[in-house]
Each structure stands twice: as structure tokens, then as C-alpha cells.
Protein backbone atom coordinates (compact mmCIF):
# COMPACT_ATOMS: atom_id res chain seq x y z
CA MET A 1 -156.54 -85.57 50.11
CA SER A 2 -154.56 -82.83 49.25
CA ASP A 3 -151.89 -81.75 46.82
CA ALA A 4 -148.87 -81.22 48.19
CA PRO A 5 -146.07 -82.96 48.18
CA HIS A 6 -144.97 -85.31 50.95
CA HIS A 7 -141.51 -84.45 52.56
CA HIS A 8 -139.92 -87.95 53.16
CA ALA A 9 -136.88 -88.39 54.31
CA ARG A 10 -134.72 -90.76 51.63
CA TYR A 11 -131.81 -91.16 50.82
CA ARG A 12 -130.62 -88.55 48.12
CA PRO A 13 -127.27 -89.86 45.82
CA GLY A 14 -124.96 -87.46 45.23
CA HIS A 15 -125.25 -85.58 48.54
CA GLY A 16 -121.93 -86.19 51.38
CA PHE A 17 -119.70 -89.92 50.86
CA SER A 18 -120.37 -93.23 51.77
CA MET A 19 -118.42 -94.85 54.48
CA ILE A 20 -116.37 -96.92 51.76
CA GLU A 21 -115.22 -93.63 50.03
CA ALA A 22 -114.18 -91.96 53.15
CA VAL A 23 -112.35 -95.00 54.09
CA ILE A 24 -109.89 -95.38 50.53
CA SER A 25 -109.80 -90.92 51.17
CA CYS A 26 -107.90 -91.42 54.13
CA ALA A 27 -105.57 -94.70 53.02
CA ILE A 28 -104.53 -92.31 49.79
CA VAL A 29 -103.91 -89.46 52.21
CA GLY A 30 -101.91 -91.67 54.77
CA GLY A 31 -100.25 -93.46 51.88
CA LEU A 32 -99.27 -89.54 50.86
CA LEU A 33 -98.23 -88.38 54.56
CA ALA A 34 -96.07 -91.98 54.55
CA ALA A 35 -94.29 -91.03 51.35
CA ALA A 36 -93.76 -87.40 52.08
CA MET A 37 -92.21 -88.19 56.16
CA SER A 38 -90.31 -90.86 54.43
CA ALA A 39 -88.50 -88.16 51.35
CA ALA A 40 -88.49 -85.80 54.60
CA GLY A 41 -86.10 -88.40 56.22
CA ALA A 42 -84.18 -89.29 52.99
CA ALA A 43 -83.26 -85.77 52.55
CA SER A 44 -82.45 -85.00 56.39
CA GLU A 45 -79.70 -87.76 56.20
CA ARG A 46 -78.63 -86.89 53.09
CA ARG A 47 -78.06 -83.18 54.79
CA ARG A 48 -76.08 -84.62 57.82
CA ASP A 49 -73.76 -86.92 55.59
CA ILE A 50 -73.51 -83.84 53.66
CA ILE A 51 -72.37 -82.00 56.89
CA ASP A 52 -70.13 -84.86 58.22
CA ARG A 53 -68.18 -85.18 54.82
CA SER A 54 -67.42 -81.50 54.89
CA ALA A 55 -66.15 -82.17 58.36
CA ALA A 56 -64.52 -84.64 57.39
CA GLN A 57 -62.45 -82.67 55.12
CA GLY A 58 -61.57 -80.79 57.29
CA VAL A 59 -60.06 -83.59 59.75
CA LEU A 60 -57.93 -84.72 56.84
CA GLY A 61 -56.69 -80.86 56.49
CA GLU A 62 -55.77 -80.76 60.62
CA PHE A 63 -54.40 -83.79 60.41
CA TRP A 64 -52.18 -83.74 57.40
CA ALA A 65 -50.86 -80.26 58.19
CA GLU A 66 -49.83 -81.51 61.72
CA ILE A 67 -48.32 -84.77 59.95
CA GLY A 68 -47.01 -82.69 57.25
CA GLY A 69 -44.04 -80.92 59.83
CA LYS A 70 -43.06 -84.04 61.66
CA ALA A 71 -39.83 -85.56 61.26
CA ILE A 72 -38.40 -88.96 60.09
CA GLU A 73 -36.25 -89.58 62.61
CA ARG A 74 -36.86 -91.13 66.52
CA LEU A 75 -36.41 -88.83 68.83
CA GLU A 76 -37.07 -89.04 72.65
CA ASN A 77 -40.18 -87.98 73.07
CA PRO A 78 -40.76 -85.01 75.62
CA PRO A 79 -42.76 -85.71 78.15
CA LEU A 80 -46.24 -84.14 76.88
CA PRO A 81 -49.13 -86.63 77.16
CA GLY A 82 -51.09 -87.36 74.21
CA ARG A 83 -50.22 -85.95 70.25
CA LEU A 84 -48.20 -82.94 72.15
CA GLY A 85 -45.22 -85.30 72.42
CA PHE A 86 -45.24 -86.90 68.82
CA ASN A 87 -42.42 -85.64 66.92
CA ASP A 88 -41.72 -88.25 64.87
CA VAL A 89 -44.36 -89.41 61.88
CA ARG A 90 -43.42 -92.86 63.15
CA ASP A 91 -45.52 -91.93 66.30
CA TYR A 92 -49.09 -91.59 64.50
CA GLU A 93 -48.77 -95.07 63.60
CA LYS A 94 -52.10 -97.22 64.40
CA TYR A 95 -52.94 -93.78 66.17
CA GLN A 96 -57.12 -93.42 66.86
CA GLN A 97 -59.35 -91.21 67.63
CA SER A 98 -63.13 -90.79 68.69
CA PRO A 99 -64.17 -87.94 68.23
CA PRO A 100 -61.14 -86.47 66.20
CA ARG A 101 -59.53 -83.57 68.54
CA ARG A 102 -56.74 -81.29 68.05
CA ALA A 103 -53.24 -81.76 69.38
CA ASP A 104 -54.23 -79.83 72.74
CA GLY A 105 -57.36 -81.94 73.07
CA THR A 106 -59.95 -79.47 71.75
CA ILE A 107 -62.53 -81.41 69.39
CA LEU A 108 -62.54 -80.75 66.00
CA PRO A 109 -65.28 -78.45 64.54
CA GLY A 110 -68.40 -80.38 63.67
CA ALA A 111 -66.98 -83.90 63.81
CA ASP A 112 -68.65 -84.98 67.12
CA ARG A 113 -69.98 -87.91 65.30
CA LEU A 114 -66.48 -89.13 63.13
CA GLY A 115 -63.97 -91.08 63.94
CA VAL A 116 -60.35 -90.60 62.59
CA ARG A 117 -57.14 -93.88 61.67
CA ILE A 118 -54.45 -93.23 60.59
CA THR A 119 -51.59 -95.65 59.67
CA VAL A 120 -48.12 -94.96 58.90
CA GLY A 121 -46.05 -97.51 56.61
CA GLY A 122 -42.76 -97.88 54.96
CA LEU A 123 -42.36 -97.74 51.00
CA ASP A 124 -39.39 -99.87 49.50
CA PRO A 125 -37.82 -97.28 47.50
CA SER A 126 -36.51 -99.34 44.97
CA SER A 127 -40.64 -99.91 43.83
CA LEU A 128 -39.94 -96.14 42.94
CA GLY A 129 -36.94 -96.20 41.36
CA LYS A 130 -34.57 -95.07 44.42
CA ASP A 131 -31.93 -96.88 45.98
CA ASP A 132 -32.76 -95.47 49.16
CA SER A 133 -33.11 -96.30 52.32
CA SER A 134 -36.99 -97.18 53.19
CA GLU A 135 -36.68 -95.04 56.66
CA ASP A 136 -36.76 -92.12 54.48
CA LEU A 137 -39.76 -92.67 52.79
CA LEU A 138 -43.57 -93.28 54.50
CA GLU A 139 -47.26 -93.60 53.56
CA VAL A 140 -49.73 -91.94 55.92
CA THR A 141 -52.79 -93.03 55.79
CA ILE A 142 -55.64 -90.61 57.38
CA THR A 143 -58.93 -92.37 57.53
CA VAL A 144 -62.42 -90.50 58.77
CA LEU A 145 -65.07 -92.78 60.01
CA ARG A 146 -68.58 -92.48 60.78
CA ALA A 147 -70.47 -95.33 62.75
CA GLY A 148 -67.35 -97.50 61.52
CA ARG A 149 -67.67 -96.45 57.48
CA THR A 150 -65.37 -94.95 55.74
CA ILE A 151 -66.28 -91.11 54.42
CA ALA A 152 -62.79 -89.40 53.58
CA GLU A 153 -59.38 -90.58 53.38
CA LEU A 154 -56.32 -89.17 52.28
CA SER A 155 -52.75 -91.03 51.84
CA PHE A 156 -49.88 -89.19 51.30
CA LEU A 157 -46.14 -89.89 51.38
CA HIS A 158 -43.69 -88.44 53.56
CA SER A 159 -40.11 -88.18 53.43
CA ARG A 160 -37.12 -86.43 55.21
CA VAL A 161 -36.88 -84.21 52.73
CA TRP A 162 -40.41 -82.89 52.37
CA ALA A 163 -40.21 -82.66 56.13
CA GLU A 164 -37.93 -80.21 56.17
CA VAL A 165 -39.06 -78.21 53.56
CA PHE A 166 -42.76 -78.61 55.05
CA ARG A 167 -41.54 -76.86 58.11
């Protein structure tokens, strides 16, 4: 017999991964990927929300400027289509549009996922310490919506005097 060492193939601990270790590693990596995807989705939704809120501020400003210059007296509407024919603040009562557009029909920048709703109501001047007619004082509310949820809103008072100053 020789004294040469026998080289037999045998399991040597510490070399390679066992099946259980590989499965656990895959589960950990999968969990980390799922968490990263969830965080990326939330960040993307937040970014979209910020963009829409910014566009909503633009919509509010556009409609406020348009309505602010309108009179508070019933005038016969000229034969113009849509809002181009609006010449009284009350013409905007219950007005809705999606997506919001300028009076000429062009979609407002960045507002393609939004909608706008306008309400106009008379206020009782005596509640404000005035004795004037409620026809002289209107509350206008412009609401910007995304998927039916309010994301921005502006309420202001409009009067005959304000319409004169605003022009």
C-alpha cells in the first residue's frame, strides 16, 4: 500500500451555498425589490400630484381673471358660442368643464387630467352690515378636480363696484 493521500470527492463545508441559503437570499432580494418599486411608485404619484396642483393654480388664476372682469347685470348674450358669450358673472353658475379650457376653447397648459366646476350665489348683504340688494354681491367659487376629488379651490366676492375697478 502506498502512503499517498487518497483524493476522494467529498463535501467540504464552507464552499458554495446550500439550497436553503439560496432560497432565503432570493426572498430577501425579492422583498427589497418590491419595497423599492413601491417607493418609486409613491414618488411618481407624489410628483404627478405636485404637477397637477401647480396646473390647478393656473386654472384658478385663469378663471378668476376671466370672471373678475364680468359685469353683474343681466345683459342679452351675444350670439357667440360657449364662454365667449358669457357677459354676466351669473352666466358661470353651475358651469363645469373637463379638461378646463380658455374661453377660446384651447386646453389650459398641464390641465388635461383636471376638471373645473364653478358656482355663483348671492349673499345677503345684511349679514355683512350692508343694506344693499343681494344682486350687488355674489360669492363665486371655482373648484378644480382630479378624478372627482377637489385639489384646489378659490372663493371670492364679486360686486358691481369690483367689476368696475377690475376692468
